[in-house]
Structure formats: C-alpha cells, structure tokens
Amino acid sequence: MNKLITVEVAYALPERQCILTIQMKSDSTIQMAIEQSGILAEFPDINLSAQSVGVFGKKKRLTDIIFDGDRIEIYRALTIDPKEARRQKAIRTKKK
C-alpha cells in the first residue's frame, strides 16, 4: 500500500525563491515530485538534465526515492567562484 507523504520542492534565484509543499505516494522519485510540484512551469529556465538536485543540502539523483518531510532542492550554477567572492569581499572590507 502506498501511503501519501508530504515533501517540499525548493528553487531560488538571487531575487526570488519558491518553496512548494506537495503530497506524493511514498514510492515516488525526486523527479516525479519536481514535475508534480509545478515548479518547472514557475521557473521555465530550470533544466533538470544540466542542474543538480539534492535533499537538505546533500546531492541526490533524480531517480532517488523521496521520504516524508524531505525538502527537494534544485541547484543552479554558481555565478562566481566562492574563492573569488571571498577575495573580492576582503578587498572591499580592507578599503573601508
């Protein structure tokens, strides 16, 4: 018997974030949850074949099974290398 579980699907841009709560069958995959959530219509720039996904910050595959309470996250590419961002921040702080 497939019971219903509740999961969240999250995606964020610098100017906007979206977290959708949905109910799914307990044997559903990450990809099925993303597709059912409607987030792909909300953010047409999401490309699941090129972007990584995860659950609570841990990378997962689209074929992984979801569990009750999971927060599925769709990751976007970094706009700047984290080392470069820290270097630029240090320069700005030093000038103050």
PDB file of N, CA and C in Angstrom:
ATOM      1  N   MET A   1       0.836  -1.186   0.000  1.00  0.00           N
ATOM      2  CA  MET A   1       0.000   0.000   0.000  1.00  0.00           C
ATOM      3  C   MET A   1       0.880   1.249   0.000  1.00  0.00           C
ATOM      4  N   ASN A   2       0.614   2.155  -0.913  1.00  0.00           N
ATOM      5  CA  ASN A   2       1.366   3.397  -0.996  1.00  0.00           C
ATOM      6  C   ASN A   2       0.664   4.480  -0.202  1.00  0.00           C
ATOM      7  N   LYS A   3       1.263   4.858   0.904  1.00  0.00           N
ATOM      8  CA  LYS A   3       0.669   5.946   1.672  1.00  0.00           C
ATOM      9  C   LYS A   3       1.165   7.273   1.112  1.00  0.00           C
ATOM     10  N   LEU A   4       0.465   8.347   1.426  1.00  0.00           N
ATOM     11  CA  LEU A   4       0.870   9.671   0.979  1.00  0.00           C
ATOM     12  C   LEU A   4       1.871  10.267   1.955  1.00  0.00           C
ATOM     13  N   ILE A   5       2.889  10.907   1.400  1.00  0.00           N
ATOM     14  CA  ILE A   5       3.881  11.620   2.202  1.00  0.00           C
ATOM     15  C   ILE A   5       3.894  13.072   1.757  1.00  0.00           C
ATOM     16  N   THR A   6       4.391  13.946   2.609  1.00  0.00           N
ATOM     17  CA  THR A   6       4.479  15.368   2.297  1.00  0.00           C
ATOM     18  C   THR A   6       5.940  15.752   2.102  1.00  0.00           C
ATOM     19  N   VAL A   7       6.225  16.422   0.999  1.00  0.00           N
ATOM     20  CA  VAL A   7       7.578  16.901   0.706  1.00  0.00           C
ATOM     21  C   VAL A   7       7.504  18.340   0.217  1.00  0.00           C
ATOM     22  N   GLU A   8       8.642  19.017   0.259  1.00  0.00           N
ATOM     23  CA  GLU A   8       8.757  20.364  -0.291  1.00  0.00           C
ATOM     24  C   GLU A   8       9.700  20.331  -1.481  1.00  0.00           C
ATOM     25  N   VAL A   9       9.427  21.186  -2.459  1.00  0.00           N
ATOM     26  CA  VAL A   9      10.316  21.357  -3.610  1.00  0.00           C
ATOM     27  C   VAL A   9      10.741  22.816  -3.599  1.00  0.00           C
ATOM     28  N   ALA A  10      12.052  23.066  -3.596  1.00  0.00           N
ATOM     29  CA  ALA A  10      12.569  24.427  -3.454  1.00  0.00           C
ATOM     30  C   ALA A  10      13.506  24.791  -4.598  1.00  0.00           C
ATOM     31  N   TYR A  11      13.410  26.053  -5.005  1.00  0.00           N
ATOM     32  CA  TYR A  11      14.313  26.612  -6.014  1.00  0.00           C
ATOM     33  C   TYR A  11      14.473  28.093  -5.705  1.00  0.00           C
ATOM     34  N   ALA A  12      15.668  28.606  -5.870  1.00  0.00           N
ATOM     35  CA  ALA A  12      15.906  30.011  -5.547  1.00  0.00           C
ATOM     36  C   ALA A  12      16.781  30.684  -6.593  1.00  0.00           C
ATOM     37  N   LEU A  13      16.417  31.901  -6.899  1.00  0.00           N
ATOM     38  CA  LEU A  13      17.217  32.813  -7.709  1.00  0.00           C
ATOM     39  C   LEU A  13      17.666  33.930  -6.767  1.00  0.00           C
ATOM     40  N   PRO A  14      18.627  34.753  -7.158  1.00  0.00           N
ATOM     41  CA  PRO A  14      19.055  35.823  -6.255  1.00  0.00           C
ATOM     42  C   PRO A  14      17.903  36.734  -5.810  1.00  0.00           C
ATOM     43  N   GLU A  15      16.949  36.965  -6.688  1.00  0.00           N
ATOM     44  CA  GLU A  15      15.874  37.899  -6.383  1.00  0.00           C
ATOM     45  C   GLU A  15      14.572  37.234  -5.945  1.00  0.00           C
ATOM     46  N   ARG A  16      14.514  35.909  -6.004  1.00  0.00           N
ATOM     47  CA  ARG A  16      13.245  35.237  -5.716  1.00  0.00           C
ATOM     48  C   ARG A  16      13.466  33.781  -5.343  1.00  0.00           C
ATOM     49  N   GLN A  17      12.701  33.318  -4.364  1.00  0.00           N
ATOM     50  CA  GLN A  17      12.750  31.903  -4.021  1.00  0.00           C
ATOM     51  C   GLN A  17      11.340  31.345  -3.981  1.00  0.00           C
ATOM     52  N   CYS A  18      11.241  30.039  -4.152  1.00  0.00           N
ATOM     53  CA  CYS A  18       9.937  29.386  -4.170  1.00  0.00           C
ATOM     54  C   CYS A  18      10.068  28.037  -3.473  1.00  0.00           C
ATOM     55  N   ILE A  19       9.199  27.794  -2.496  1.00  0.00           N
ATOM     56  CA  ILE A  19       9.132  26.503  -1.817  1.00  0.00           C
ATOM     57  C   ILE A  19       7.690  26.028  -1.902  1.00  0.00           C
ATOM     58  N   LEU A  20       7.483  24.916  -2.579  1.00  0.00           N
ATOM     59  CA  LEU A  20       6.144  24.362  -2.772  1.00  0.00           C
ATOM     60  C   LEU A  20       5.997  23.077  -1.963  1.00  0.00           C
ATOM     61  N   THR A  21       4.903  22.946  -1.254  1.00  0.00           N
ATOM     62  CA  THR A  21       4.619  21.741  -0.470  1.00  0.00           C
ATOM     63  C   THR A  21       3.612  20.897  -1.231  1.00  0.00           C
ATOM     64  N   ILE A  22       3.939  19.618  -1.404  1.00  0.00           N
ATOM     65  CA  ILE A  22       3.059  18.712  -2.139  1.00  0.00           C
ATOM     66  C   ILE A  22       2.950  17.377  -1.409  1.00  0.00           C
ATOM     67  N   GLN A  23       1.950  16.617  -1.777  1.00  0.00           N
ATOM     68  CA  GLN A  23       1.816  15.256  -1.278  1.00  0.00           C
ATOM     69  C   GLN A  23       2.036  14.294  -2.438  1.00  0.00           C
ATOM     70  N   MET A  24       2.756  13.223  -2.147  1.00  0.00           N
ATOM     71  CA  MET A  24       3.116  12.227  -3.157  1.00  0.00           C
ATOM     72  C   MET A  24       2.950  10.836  -2.572  1.00  0.00           C
ATOM     73  N   LYS A  25       2.907   9.847  -3.449  1.00  0.00           N
ATOM     74  CA  LYS A  25       2.946   8.458  -2.990  1.00  0.00           C
ATOM     75  C   LYS A  25       4.336   8.161  -2.434  1.00  0.00           C
ATOM     76  N   SER A  26       4.408   7.289  -1.462  1.00  0.00           N
ATOM     77  CA  SER A  26       5.665   7.029  -0.754  1.00  0.00           C
ATOM     78  C   SER A  26       6.758   6.408  -1.625  1.00  0.00           C
ATOM     79  N   ASP A  27       6.419   5.849  -2.770  1.00  0.00           N
ATOM     80  CA  ASP A  27       7.447   5.248  -3.633  1.00  0.00           C
ATOM     81  C   ASP A  27       7.841   6.170  -4.793  1.00  0.00           C
ATOM     82  N   SER A  28       7.563   7.456  -4.675  1.00  0.00           N
ATOM     83  CA  SER A  28       7.856   8.422  -5.740  1.00  0.00           C
ATOM     84  C   SER A  28       9.332   8.812  -5.744  1.00  0.00           C
ATOM     85  N   THR A  29       9.791   9.263  -6.906  1.00  0.00           N
ATOM     86  CA  THR A  29      11.180   9.710  -7.053  1.00  0.00           C
ATOM     87  C   THR A  29      11.269  11.229  -6.957  1.00  0.00           C
ATOM     88  N   ILE A  30      12.481  11.702  -6.845  1.00  0.00           N
ATOM     89  CA  ILE A  30      12.727  13.147  -6.809  1.00  0.00           C
ATOM     90  C   ILE A  30      12.189  13.792  -8.086  1.00  0.00           C
ATOM     91  N   GLN A  31      12.454  13.199  -9.226  1.00  0.00           N
ATOM     92  CA  GLN A  31      11.993  13.768 -10.486  1.00  0.00           C
ATOM     93  C   GLN A  31      10.466  13.849 -10.536  1.00  0.00           C
ATOM     94  N   MET A  32       9.797  12.803 -10.063  1.00  0.00           N
ATOM     95  CA  MET A  32       8.335  12.814 -10.061  1.00  0.00           C
ATOM     96  C   MET A  32       7.798  13.952  -9.184  1.00  0.00           C
ATOM     97  N   ALA A  33       8.426  14.173  -8.041  1.00  0.00           N
ATOM     98  CA  ALA A  33       7.990  15.241  -7.137  1.00  0.00           C
ATOM     99  C   ALA A  33       8.204  16.615  -7.770  1.00  0.00           C
ATOM    100  N   ILE A  34       9.350  16.806  -8.419  1.00  0.00           N
ATOM    101  CA  ILE A  34       9.632  18.082  -9.075  1.00  0.00           C
ATOM    102  C   ILE A  34       8.594  18.347 -10.161  1.00  0.00           C
ATOM    103  N   GLU A  35       8.320  17.341 -10.964  1.00  0.00           N
ATOM    104  CA  GLU A  35       7.362  17.512 -12.057  1.00  0.00           C
ATOM    105  C   GLU A  35       5.946  17.770 -11.531  1.00  0.00           C
ATOM    106  N   GLN A  36       5.533  17.052 -10.494  1.00  0.00           N
ATOM    107  CA  GLN A  36       4.185  17.244  -9.956  1.00  0.00           C
ATOM    108  C   GLN A  36       4.028  18.577  -9.224  1.00  0.00           C
ATOM    109  N   SER A  37       5.113  19.126  -8.693  1.00  0.00           N
ATOM    110  CA  SER A  37       5.027  20.355  -7.903  1.00  0.00           C
ATOM    111  C   SER A  37       4.608  21.569  -8.722  1.00  0.00           C
ATOM    112  N   GLY A  38       4.878  21.556 -10.021  1.00  0.00           N
ATOM    113  CA  GLY A  38       4.579  22.704 -10.870  1.00  0.00           C
ATOM    114  C   GLY A  38       5.693  23.734 -10.904  1.00  0.00           C
ATOM    115  N   ILE A  39       6.811  23.448 -10.250  1.00  0.00           N
ATOM    116  CA  ILE A  39       7.907  24.418 -10.194  1.00  0.00           C
ATOM    117  C   ILE A  39       8.558  24.623 -11.563  1.00  0.00           C
ATOM    118  N   LEU A  40       8.479  23.604 -12.429  1.00  0.00           N
ATOM    119  CA  LEU A  40       9.062  23.751 -13.771  1.00  0.00           C
ATOM    120  C   LEU A  40       8.284  24.766 -14.602  1.00  0.00           C
ATOM    121  N   ALA A  41       6.992  24.888 -14.367  1.00  0.00           N
ATOM    122  CA  ALA A  41       6.198  25.908 -15.059  1.00  0.00           C
ATOM    123  C   ALA A  41       6.466  27.292 -14.474  1.00  0.00           C
ATOM    124  N   GLU A  42       6.722  27.333 -13.176  1.00  0.00           N
ATOM    125  CA  GLU A  42       7.008  28.598 -12.481  1.00  0.00           C
ATOM    126  C   GLU A  42       8.377  29.160 -12.875  1.00  0.00           C
ATOM    127  N   PHE A  43       9.332  28.266 -13.103  1.00  0.00           N
ATOM    128  CA  PHE A  43      10.704  28.644 -13.482  1.00  0.00           C
ATOM    129  C   PHE A  43      11.095  27.865 -14.735  1.00  0.00           C
ATOM    130  N   PRO A  44      10.710  28.344 -15.923  1.00  0.00           N
ATOM    131  CA  PRO A  44      10.986  27.587 -17.151  1.00  0.00           C
ATOM    132  C   PRO A  44      12.475  27.452 -17.476  1.00  0.00           C
ATOM    133  N   ASP A  45      13.333  28.222 -16.804  1.00  0.00           N
ATOM    134  CA  ASP A  45      14.770  28.134 -17.056  1.00  0.00           C
ATOM    135  C   ASP A  45      15.411  26.911 -16.381  1.00  0.00           C
ATOM    136  N   ILE A  46      14.682  26.210 -15.524  1.00  0.00           N
ATOM    137  CA  ILE A  46      15.222  25.009 -14.875  1.00  0.00           C
ATOM    138  C   ILE A  46      15.437  23.932 -15.937  1.00  0.00           C
ATOM    139  N   ASN A  47      16.632  23.352 -15.922  1.00  0.00           N
ATOM    140  CA  ASN A  47      16.991  22.279 -16.845  1.00  0.00           C
ATOM    141  C   ASN A  47      17.481  21.097 -16.002  1.00  0.00           C
ATOM    142  N   LEU A  48      16.604  20.153 -15.749  1.00  0.00           N
ATOM    143  CA  LEU A  48      16.955  19.042 -14.864  1.00  0.00           C
ATOM    144  C   LEU A  48      18.079  18.169 -15.403  1.00  0.00           C
ATOM    145  N   SER A  49      18.306  18.174 -16.699  1.00  0.00           N
ATOM    146  CA  SER A  49      19.406  17.368 -17.239  1.00  0.00           C
ATOM    147  C   SER A  49      20.763  18.041 -17.020  1.00  0.00           C
ATOM    148  N   ALA A  50      20.757  19.341 -16.721  1.00  0.00           N
ATOM    149  CA  ALA A  50      22.010  20.066 -16.518  1.00  0.00           C
ATOM    150  C   ALA A  50      22.222  20.508 -15.067  1.00  0.00           C
ATOM    151  N   GLN A  51      21.158  20.616 -14.290  1.00  0.00           N
ATOM    152  CA  GLN A  51      21.262  21.115 -12.925  1.00  0.00           C
ATOM    153  C   GLN A  51      21.237  19.954 -11.928  1.00  0.00           C
ATOM    154  N   SER A  52      21.912  20.158 -10.816  1.00  0.00           N
ATOM    155  CA  SER A  52      21.935  19.159  -9.750  1.00  0.00           C
ATOM    156  C   SER A  52      20.723  19.322  -8.853  1.00  0.00           C
ATOM    157  N   VAL A  53      20.384  18.256  -8.159  1.00  0.00           N
ATOM    158  CA  VAL A  53      19.315  18.290  -7.170  1.00  0.00           C
ATOM    159  C   VAL A  53      19.839  17.669  -5.881  1.00  0.00           C
ATOM    160  N   GLY A  54      19.144  17.960  -4.790  1.00  0.00           N
ATOM    161  CA  GLY A  54      19.536  17.395  -3.517  1.00  0.00           C
ATOM    162  C   GLY A  54      18.382  17.410  -2.539  1.00  0.00           C
ATOM    163  N   VAL A  55      18.629  16.814  -1.378  1.00  0.00           N
ATOM    164  CA  VAL A  55      17.665  16.820  -0.286  1.00  0.00           C
ATOM    165  C   VAL A  55      18.403  17.328   0.948  1.00  0.00           C
ATOM    166  N   PHE A  56      17.932  18.435   1.491  1.00  0.00           N
ATOM    167  CA  PHE A  56      18.549  19.068   2.662  1.00  0.00           C
ATOM    168  C   PHE A  56      20.057  19.256   2.479  1.00  0.00           C
ATOM    169  N   GLY A  57      20.455  19.744   1.314  1.00  0.00           N
ATOM    170  CA  GLY A  57      21.849  20.079   1.058  1.00  0.00           C
ATOM    171  C   GLY A  57      22.746  18.928   0.647  1.00  0.00           C
ATOM    172  N   LYS A  58      22.214  17.742   0.531  1.00  0.00           N
ATOM    173  CA  LYS A  58      23.015  16.587   0.092  1.00  0.00           C
ATOM    174  C   LYS A  58      22.602  16.218  -1.322  1.00  0.00           C
ATOM    175  N   LYS A  59      23.581  16.169  -2.226  1.00  0.00           N
ATOM    176  CA  LYS A  59      23.279  15.854  -3.625  1.00  0.00           C
ATOM    177  C   LYS A  59      22.647  14.480  -3.757  1.00  0.00           C
ATOM    178  N   LYS A  60      21.641  14.426  -4.620  1.00  0.00           N
ATOM    179  CA  LYS A  60      20.923  13.184  -4.900  1.00  0.00           C
ATOM    180  C   LYS A  60      20.723  13.057  -6.402  1.00  0.00           C
ATOM    181  N   ARG A  61      20.254  11.878  -6.817  1.00  0.00           N
ATOM    182  CA  ARG A  61      19.913  11.645  -8.219  1.00  0.00           C
ATOM    183  C   ARG A  61      18.415  11.840  -8.396  1.00  0.00           C
ATOM    184  N   LEU A  62      18.004  12.158  -9.609  1.00  0.00           N
ATOM    185  CA  LEU A  62      16.582  12.334  -9.902  1.00  0.00           C
ATOM    186  C   LEU A  62      15.798  11.041  -9.665  1.00  0.00           C
ATOM    187  N   THR A  63      16.468   9.908  -9.733  1.00  0.00           N
ATOM    188  CA  THR A  63      15.800   8.613  -9.575  1.00  0.00           C
ATOM    189  C   THR A  63      15.711   8.151  -8.122  1.00  0.00           C
ATOM    190  N   ASP A  64      16.285   8.905  -7.186  1.00  0.00           N
ATOM    191  CA  ASP A  64      16.225   8.518  -5.773  1.00  0.00           C
ATOM    192  C   ASP A  64      14.800   8.647  -5.243  1.00  0.00           C
ATOM    193  N   ILE A  65      14.430   7.755  -4.349  1.00  0.00           N
ATOM    194  CA  ILE A  65      13.104   7.748  -3.728  1.00  0.00           C
ATOM    195  C   ILE A  65      13.039   8.843  -2.658  1.00  0.00           C
ATOM    196  N   ILE A  66      11.882   9.497  -2.558  1.00  0.00           N
ATOM    197  CA  ILE A  66      11.694  10.543  -1.556  1.00  0.00           C
ATOM    198  C   ILE A  66      11.068   9.961  -0.290  1.00  0.00           C
ATOM    199  N   PHE A  67      11.251  10.690   0.811  1.00  0.00           N
ATOM    200  CA  PHE A  67      10.713  10.271   2.096  1.00  0.00           C
ATOM    201  C   PHE A  67       9.901  11.409   2.713  1.00  0.00           C
ATOM    202  N   ASP A  68       9.006  11.062   3.602  1.00  0.00           N
ATOM    203  CA  ASP A  68       8.153  12.047   4.246  1.00  0.00           C
ATOM    204  C   ASP A  68       8.996  13.142   4.903  1.00  0.00           C
ATOM    205  N   GLY A  69       8.666  14.383   4.622  1.00  0.00           N
ATOM    206  CA  GLY A  69       9.375  15.518   5.214  1.00  0.00           C
ATOM    207  C   GLY A  69      10.579  15.998   4.432  1.00  0.00           C
ATOM    208  N   ASP A  70      10.950  15.326   3.341  1.00  0.00           N
ATOM    209  CA  ASP A  70      12.101  15.763   2.537  1.00  0.00           C
ATOM    210  C   ASP A  70      11.873  17.152   1.949  1.00  0.00           C
ATOM    211  N   ARG A  71      12.963  17.912   1.836  1.00  0.00           N
ATOM    212  CA  ARG A  71      12.925  19.160   1.071  1.00  0.00           C
ATOM    213  C   ARG A  71      13.847  18.962  -0.123  1.00  0.00           C
ATOM    214  N   ILE A  72      13.244  18.856  -1.290  1.00  0.00           N
ATOM    215  CA  ILE A  72      13.983  18.646  -2.530  1.00  0.00           C
ATOM    216  C   ILE A  72      14.444  20.014  -3.026  1.00  0.00           C
ATOM    217  N   GLU A  73      15.732  20.137  -3.264  1.00  0.00           N
ATOM    218  CA  GLU A  73      16.308  21.408  -3.699  1.00  0.00           C
ATOM    219  C   GLU A  73      16.864  21.263  -5.112  1.00  0.00           C
ATOM    220  N   ILE A  74      16.562  22.235  -5.939  1.00  0.00           N
ATOM    221  CA  ILE A  74      17.113  22.284  -7.300  1.00  0.00           C
ATOM    222  C   ILE A  74      18.205  23.332  -7.277  1.00  0.00           C
ATOM    223  N   TYR A  75      19.425  22.928  -7.585  1.00  0.00           N
ATOM    224  CA  TYR A  75      20.572  23.828  -7.507  1.00  0.00           C
ATOM    225  C   TYR A  75      20.843  24.466  -8.862  1.00  0.00           C
ATOM    226  N   ARG A  76      21.223  25.722  -8.824  1.00  0.00           N
ATOM    227  CA  ARG A  76      21.601  26.417 -10.060  1.00  0.00           C
ATOM    228  C   ARG A  76      23.109  26.606 -10.064  1.00  0.00           C
ATOM    229  N   ALA A  77      23.646  26.888 -11.222  1.00  0.00           N
ATOM    230  CA  ALA A  77      25.091  27.081 -11.350  1.00  0.00           C
ATOM    231  C   ALA A  77      25.526  28.326 -10.579  1.00  0.00           C
ATOM    232  N   LEU A  78      26.716  28.257 -10.013  1.00  0.00           N
ATOM    233  CA  LEU A  78      27.253  29.420  -9.313  1.00  0.00           C
ATOM    234  C   LEU A  78      27.573  30.517 -10.312  1.00  0.00           C
ATOM    235  N   THR A  79      27.299  31.756  -9.935  1.00  0.00           N
ATOM    236  CA  THR A  79      27.599  32.876 -10.824  1.00  0.00           C
ATOM    237  C   THR A  79      29.030  33.361 -10.639  1.00  0.00           C
ATOM    238  N   ILE A  80      29.636  33.027  -9.503  1.00  0.00           N
ATOM    239  CA  ILE A  80      31.016  33.412  -9.237  1.00  0.00           C
ATOM    240  C   ILE A  80      31.651  32.324  -8.372  1.00  0.00           C
ATOM    241  N   ASP A  81      32.918  32.077  -8.608  1.00  0.00           N
ATOM    242  CA  ASP A  81      33.659  31.101  -7.829  1.00  0.00           C
ATOM    243  C   ASP A  81      33.706  31.553  -6.363  1.00  0.00           C
ATOM    244  N   PRO A  82      33.413  30.681  -5.401  1.00  0.00           N
ATOM    245  CA  PRO A  82      33.412  31.094  -3.993  1.00  0.00           C
ATOM    246  C   PRO A  82      34.730  31.707  -3.517  1.00  0.00           C
ATOM    247  N   LYS A  83      35.856  31.217  -4.030  1.00  0.00           N
ATOM    248  CA  LYS A  83      37.149  31.797  -3.646  1.00  0.00           C
ATOM    249  C   LYS A  83      37.255  33.239  -4.132  1.00  0.00           C
ATOM    250  N   GLU A  84      36.801  33.477  -5.351  1.00  0.00           N
ATOM    251  CA  GLU A  84      36.835  34.827  -5.910  1.00  0.00           C
ATOM    252  C   GLU A  84      35.904  35.748  -5.123  1.00  0.00           C
ATOM    253  N   ALA A  85      34.744  35.260  -4.738  1.00  0.00           N
ATOM    254  CA  ALA A  85      33.799  36.070  -3.957  1.00  0.00           C
ATOM    255  C   ALA A  85      34.422  36.478  -2.625  1.00  0.00           C
ATOM    256  N   ARG A  86      35.107  35.551  -1.945  1.00  0.00           N
ATOM    257  CA  ARG A  86      35.762  35.883  -0.668  1.00  0.00           C
ATOM    258  C   ARG A  86      36.891  36.890  -0.884  1.00  0.00           C
ATOM    259  N   ARG A  87      37.633  36.736  -1.979  1.00  0.00           N
ATOM    260  CA  ARG A  87      38.725  37.666  -2.266  1.00  0.00           C
ATOM    261  C   ARG A  87      38.184  39.077  -2.487  1.00  0.00           C
ATOM    262  N   GLN A  88      37.107  39.185  -3.266  1.00  0.00           N
ATOM    263  CA  GLN A  88      36.507  40.491  -3.526  1.00  0.00           C
ATOM    264  C   GLN A  88      35.938  41.114  -2.248  1.00  0.00           C
ATOM    265  N   LYS A  89      35.348  40.286  -1.395  1.00  0.00           N
ATOM    266  CA  LYS A  89      34.810  40.791  -0.131  1.00  0.00           C
ATOM    267  C   LYS A  89      35.944  41.306   0.757  1.00  0.00           C
ATOM    268  N   ALA A  90      37.073  40.594   0.788  1.00  0.00           N
ATOM    269  CA  ALA A  90      38.209  41.018   1.590  1.00  0.00           C
ATOM    270  C   ALA A  90      38.757  42.351   1.097  1.00  0.00           C
ATOM    271  N   ILE A  91      38.783  42.543  -0.217  1.00  0.00           N
ATOM    272  CA  ILE A  91      39.261  43.808  -0.788  1.00  0.00           C
ATOM    273  C   ILE A  91      38.319  44.936  -0.392  1.00  0.00           C
ATOM    274  N   ARG A  92      36.997  44.713  -0.496  1.00  0.00           N
ATOM    275  CA  ARG A  92      36.024  45.744  -0.124  1.00  0.00           C
ATOM    276  C   ARG A  92      36.126  46.095   1.362  1.00  0.00           C
ATOM    277  N   THR A  93      36.306  45.086   2.204  1.00  0.00           N
ATOM    278  CA  THR A  93      36.407  45.311   3.644  1.00  0.00           C
ATOM    279  C   THR A  93      37.664  46.086   3.978  1.00  0.00           C
ATOM    280  N   LYS A  94      38.743  45.785   3.302  1.00  0.00           N
ATOM    281  CA  LYS A  94      40.018  46.461   3.542  1.00  0.00           C
ATOM    282  C   LYS A  94      39.948  47.943   3.194  1.00  0.00           C
ATOM    283  N   LYS A  95      39.178  48.305   2.164  1.00  0.00           N
ATOM    284  CA  LYS A  95      39.054  49.698   1.718  1.00  0.00           C
ATOM    285  C   LYS A  95      38.266  50.551   2.698  1.00  0.00           C
ATOM    286  N   LYS A  96      37.448  49.940   3.545  1.00  0.00           N
ATOM    287  CA  LYS A  96      36.602  50.707   4.474  1.00  0.00           C
ATOM    288  C   LYS A  96      37.357  51.267   5.620  1.00  0.00           C
TER     289      LYS A  96
END
